[in-house]
Amino acid sequence: MKIIRGLREDKDLTQTEVAKKLGTTQQLYSKYETGIHDLPLRFVPTIAKLFNVSTDYLFGHTKCKVGVDALNQVVEGKVTLGEVATDILSLSSTGREDVIEYIHLMKMKESNQQQANGSDVTRKKKKS
């Protein structure tokens, strides 16, 4: 499963560390990552919890890493992520495109602000 390799690398874990959490050997775990052996179902919940992803994501059924429980997470005020998703899906195709474009713009704006704040901190350190 190439997915678990990417997740492991994203967390900077070694195969040995993950294998230990599963109660198996590094050699056998390596065979799961490369697809030589199928990952036993008994390991799926442990891996999903370890990497904080849904089992559907592990199996490649969705691009969404978070599980169903995340839909109950409060985004702002009393509004949950599930309610936001429902609202977006209720919009027309054009409306959904506009929401996505707005999200991208906000991410760019916040990224630019963080970069600007980071360069301010760097300049202040050089002056000291």
C-alpha atoms as a PDB file:
ATOM      1  CA  MET A   1       0.000   0.000   0.000  1.00  0.00           C
ATOM      2  CA  LYS A   2       1.761   3.096  -1.235  1.00  0.00           C
ATOM      3  CA  ILE A   3      -0.587   5.190   0.878  1.00  0.00           C
ATOM      4  CA  ILE A   4       0.829   3.943   4.181  1.00  0.00           C
ATOM      5  CA  ARG A   5       4.380   4.601   3.021  1.00  0.00           C
ATOM      6  CA  GLY A   6       3.527   8.232   2.274  1.00  0.00           C
ATOM      7  CA  LEU A   7       1.768   8.630   5.613  1.00  0.00           C
ATOM      8  CA  ARG A   8       4.715   7.096   7.451  1.00  0.00           C
ATOM      9  CA  GLU A   9       7.189   9.352   5.682  1.00  0.00           C
ATOM     10  CA  ASP A  10       5.013  12.423   6.358  1.00  0.00           C
ATOM     11  CA  LYS A  11       5.257  11.628  10.090  1.00  0.00           C
ATOM     12  CA  ASP A  12       9.016  10.976   9.840  1.00  0.00           C
ATOM     13  CA  LEU A  13       8.605   7.463  11.220  1.00  0.00           C
ATOM     14  CA  THR A  14      10.736   4.484  10.290  1.00  0.00           C
ATOM     15  CA  GLN A  15       9.341   1.156   9.167  1.00  0.00           C
ATOM     16  CA  THR A  16      10.720  -0.319  12.385  1.00  0.00           C
ATOM     17  CA  GLU A  17       8.777   2.187  14.519  1.00  0.00           C
ATOM     18  CA  VAL A  18       5.497   1.459  12.738  1.00  0.00           C
ATOM     19  CA  ALA A  19       6.134  -2.296  12.794  1.00  0.00           C
ATOM     20  CA  LYS A  20       6.684  -2.140  16.547  1.00  0.00           C
ATOM     21  CA  LYS A  21       3.336  -0.379  17.056  1.00  0.00           C
ATOM     22  CA  LEU A  22       1.684  -3.134  15.011  1.00  0.00           C
ATOM     23  CA  GLY A  23       3.514  -5.905  16.851  1.00  0.00           C
ATOM     24  CA  THR A  24       5.242  -7.179  13.726  1.00  0.00           C
ATOM     25  CA  THR A  25       8.709  -7.052  12.189  1.00  0.00           C
ATOM     26  CA  GLN A  26      10.163  -4.347   9.970  1.00  0.00           C
ATOM     27  CA  GLN A  27      10.706  -6.944   7.227  1.00  0.00           C
ATOM     28  CA  LEU A  28       7.047  -7.951   7.180  1.00  0.00           C
ATOM     29  CA  TYR A  29       5.838  -4.358   7.448  1.00  0.00           C
ATOM     30  CA  SER A  30       8.030  -3.451   4.470  1.00  0.00           C
ATOM     31  CA  LYS A  31       6.170  -6.075   2.438  1.00  0.00           C
ATOM     32  CA  TYR A  32       2.863  -4.378   3.297  1.00  0.00           C
ATOM     33  CA  GLU A  33       4.161  -1.018   2.088  1.00  0.00           C
ATOM     34  CA  THR A  34       5.465  -2.440  -1.170  1.00  0.00           C
ATOM     35  CA  GLY A  35       2.364  -4.529  -1.804  1.00  0.00           C
ATOM     36  CA  ILE A  36       4.180  -7.866  -1.701  1.00  0.00           C
ATOM     37  CA  HIS A  37       1.764  -8.870   1.081  1.00  0.00           C
ATOM     38  CA  ASP A  38      -1.715  -7.507   1.712  1.00  0.00           C
ATOM     39  CA  LEU A  39      -2.086  -5.533   4.911  1.00  0.00           C
ATOM     40  CA  PRO A  40      -4.079  -7.694   7.363  1.00  0.00           C
ATOM     41  CA  LEU A  41      -7.430  -6.154   8.264  1.00  0.00           C
ATOM     42  CA  ARG A  42      -6.564  -6.374  11.965  1.00  0.00           C
ATOM     43  CA  PHE A  43      -3.886  -3.691  11.394  1.00  0.00           C
ATOM     44  CA  VAL A  44      -6.116  -1.220   9.542  1.00  0.00           C
ATOM     45  CA  PRO A  45      -7.698   0.473  12.594  1.00  0.00           C
ATOM     46  CA  THR A  46      -4.311   0.800  14.304  1.00  0.00           C
ATOM     47  CA  ILE A  47      -2.709   2.354  11.233  1.00  0.00           C
ATOM     48  CA  ALA A  48      -5.667   4.699  10.706  1.00  0.00           C
ATOM     49  CA  LYS A  49      -5.410   5.878  14.309  1.00  0.00           C
ATOM     50  CA  LEU A  50      -1.599   6.158  14.171  1.00  0.00           C
ATOM     51  CA  PHE A  51      -1.715   8.393  11.099  1.00  0.00           C
ATOM     52  CA  ASN A  52      -4.986  10.116  12.039  1.00  0.00           C
ATOM     53  CA  VAL A  53      -6.761   9.173   8.810  1.00  0.00           C
ATOM     54  CA  SER A  54      -9.940   7.333   7.956  1.00  0.00           C
ATOM     55  CA  THR A  55      -9.947   3.704   6.903  1.00  0.00           C
ATOM     56  CA  ASP A  56     -11.602   4.801   3.649  1.00  0.00           C
ATOM     57  CA  TYR A  57      -8.547   6.967   2.975  1.00  0.00           C
ATOM     58  CA  LEU A  58      -6.219   4.016   3.639  1.00  0.00           C
ATOM     59  CA  PHE A  59      -8.097   1.924   1.100  1.00  0.00           C
ATOM     60  CA  GLY A  60      -8.048   4.709  -1.479  1.00  0.00           C
ATOM     61  CA  HIS A  61     -11.830   5.217  -1.447  1.00  0.00           C
ATOM     62  CA  THR A  62     -11.556   8.933  -0.714  1.00  0.00           C
ATOM     63  CA  LYS A  63      -9.067  11.787  -0.914  1.00  0.00           C
ATOM     64  CA  CYS A  64     -10.339  13.044   2.432  1.00  0.00           C
ATOM     65  CA  LYS A  65      -7.984  11.964   5.203  1.00  0.00           C
ATOM     66  CA  VAL A  66     -10.335  12.740   8.074  1.00  0.00           C
ATOM     67  CA  GLY A  67     -12.982  10.312   9.227  1.00  0.00           C
ATOM     68  CA  VAL A  68     -16.668  10.810   9.814  1.00  0.00           C
ATOM     69  CA  ASP A  69     -16.024  12.049  13.360  1.00  0.00           C
ATOM     70  CA  ALA A  70     -14.342  15.139  11.919  1.00  0.00           C
ATOM     71  CA  LEU A  71     -17.675  16.224  10.438  1.00  0.00           C
ATOM     72  CA  ASN A  72     -18.822  16.978  14.000  1.00  0.00           C
ATOM     73  CA  GLN A  73     -15.842  19.264  14.611  1.00  0.00           C
ATOM     74  CA  VAL A  74     -16.876  22.855  15.251  1.00  0.00           C
ATOM     75  CA  VAL A  75     -15.363  25.122  12.611  1.00  0.00           C
ATOM     76  CA  GLU A  76     -16.529  28.478  13.928  1.00  0.00           C
ATOM     77  CA  GLY A  77     -19.088  29.371  16.569  1.00  0.00           C
ATOM     78  CA  LYS A  78     -21.563  26.507  16.614  1.00  0.00           C
ATOM     79  CA  VAL A  79     -21.173  25.529  12.952  1.00  0.00           C
ATOM     80  CA  THR A  80     -19.728  22.072  12.312  1.00  0.00           C
ATOM     81  CA  LEU A  81     -17.616  20.942   9.388  1.00  0.00           C
ATOM     82  CA  GLY A  82     -20.504  18.702   8.322  1.00  0.00           C
ATOM     83  CA  GLU A  83     -22.876  21.660   8.184  1.00  0.00           C
ATOM     84  CA  VAL A  84     -20.393  23.626   6.089  1.00  0.00           C
ATOM     85  CA  ALA A  85     -20.002  20.703   3.693  1.00  0.00           C
ATOM     86  CA  THR A  86     -23.786  20.317   3.440  1.00  0.00           C
ATOM     87  CA  ASP A  87     -24.184  24.022   2.714  1.00  0.00           C
ATOM     88  CA  ILE A  88     -21.512  23.933   0.014  1.00  0.00           C
ATOM     89  CA  LEU A  89     -23.103  20.902  -1.623  1.00  0.00           C
ATOM     90  CA  SER A  90     -26.483  22.665  -1.659  1.00  0.00           C
ATOM     91  CA  LEU A  91     -25.066  25.428  -3.874  1.00  0.00           C
ATOM     92  CA  SER A  92     -25.148  25.478  -7.649  1.00  0.00           C
ATOM     93  CA  SER A  93     -22.048  24.359  -9.521  1.00  0.00           C
ATOM     94  CA  THR A  94     -21.062  27.998 -10.000  1.00  0.00           C
ATOM     95  CA  GLY A  95     -21.608  28.706  -6.312  1.00  0.00           C
ATOM     96  CA  ARG A  96     -19.407  25.752  -5.318  1.00  0.00           C
ATOM     97  CA  GLU A  97     -16.688  26.945  -7.702  1.00  0.00           C
ATOM     98  CA  ASP A  98     -16.884  30.411  -6.143  1.00  0.00           C
ATOM     99  CA  VAL A  99     -16.523  28.967  -2.627  1.00  0.00           C
ATOM    100  CA  ILE A 100     -13.488  26.938  -3.678  1.00  0.00           C
ATOM    101  CA  GLU A 101     -11.934  29.977  -5.359  1.00  0.00           C
ATOM    102  CA  TYR A 102     -12.550  32.037  -2.217  1.00  0.00           C
ATOM    103  CA  ILE A 103     -10.913  29.373  -0.035  1.00  0.00           C
ATOM    104  CA  HIS A 104      -7.849  29.342  -2.312  1.00  0.00           C
ATOM    105  CA  LEU A 105      -7.642  33.138  -2.144  1.00  0.00           C
ATOM    106  CA  MET A 106      -7.891  33.112   1.650  1.00  0.00           C
ATOM    107  CA  LYS A 107      -5.167  30.453   1.888  1.00  0.00           C
ATOM    108  CA  MET A 108      -2.896  32.556  -0.346  1.00  0.00           C
ATOM    109  CA  LYS A 109      -3.631  35.680   1.699  1.00  0.00           C
ATOM    110  CA  GLU A 110      -2.833  33.932   4.980  1.00  0.00           C
ATOM    111  CA  SER A 111       0.293  32.360   3.520  1.00  0.00           C
ATOM    112  CA  ASN A 112       1.497  35.767   2.343  1.00  0.00           C
ATOM    113  CA  GLN A 113       0.785  37.251   5.776  1.00  0.00           C
ATOM    114  CA  GLN A 114       2.747  34.476   7.483  1.00  0.00           C
ATOM    115  CA  GLN A 115       5.666  34.985   5.117  1.00  0.00           C
ATOM    116  CA  ALA A 116       5.603  38.723   5.730  1.00  0.00           C
ATOM    117  CA  ASN A 117       5.499  38.167   9.492  1.00  0.00           C
ATOM    118  CA  GLY A 118       8.367  35.695   9.204  1.00  0.00           C
ATOM    119  CA  SER A 119      10.530  38.160   7.309  1.00  0.00           C
ATOM    120  CA  ASP A 120       9.727  40.839   9.923  1.00  0.00           C
ATOM    121  CA  VAL A 121      10.985  38.507  12.651  1.00  0.00           C
ATOM    122  CA  THR A 122      14.133  37.759  10.635  1.00  0.00           C
ATOM    123  CA  ARG A 123      14.846  41.486  10.163  1.00  0.00           C
ATOM    124  CA  LYS A 124      14.338  42.142  13.884  1.00  0.00           C
ATOM    125  CA  LYS A 125      16.789  39.354  14.786  1.00  0.00           C
ATOM    126  CA  LYS A 126      19.425  40.785  12.411  1.00  0.00           C
ATOM    127  CA  LYS A 127      19.110  44.216  14.028  1.00  0.00           C
ATOM    128  CA  SER A 128      19.681  42.775  17.526  1.00  0.00           C
END
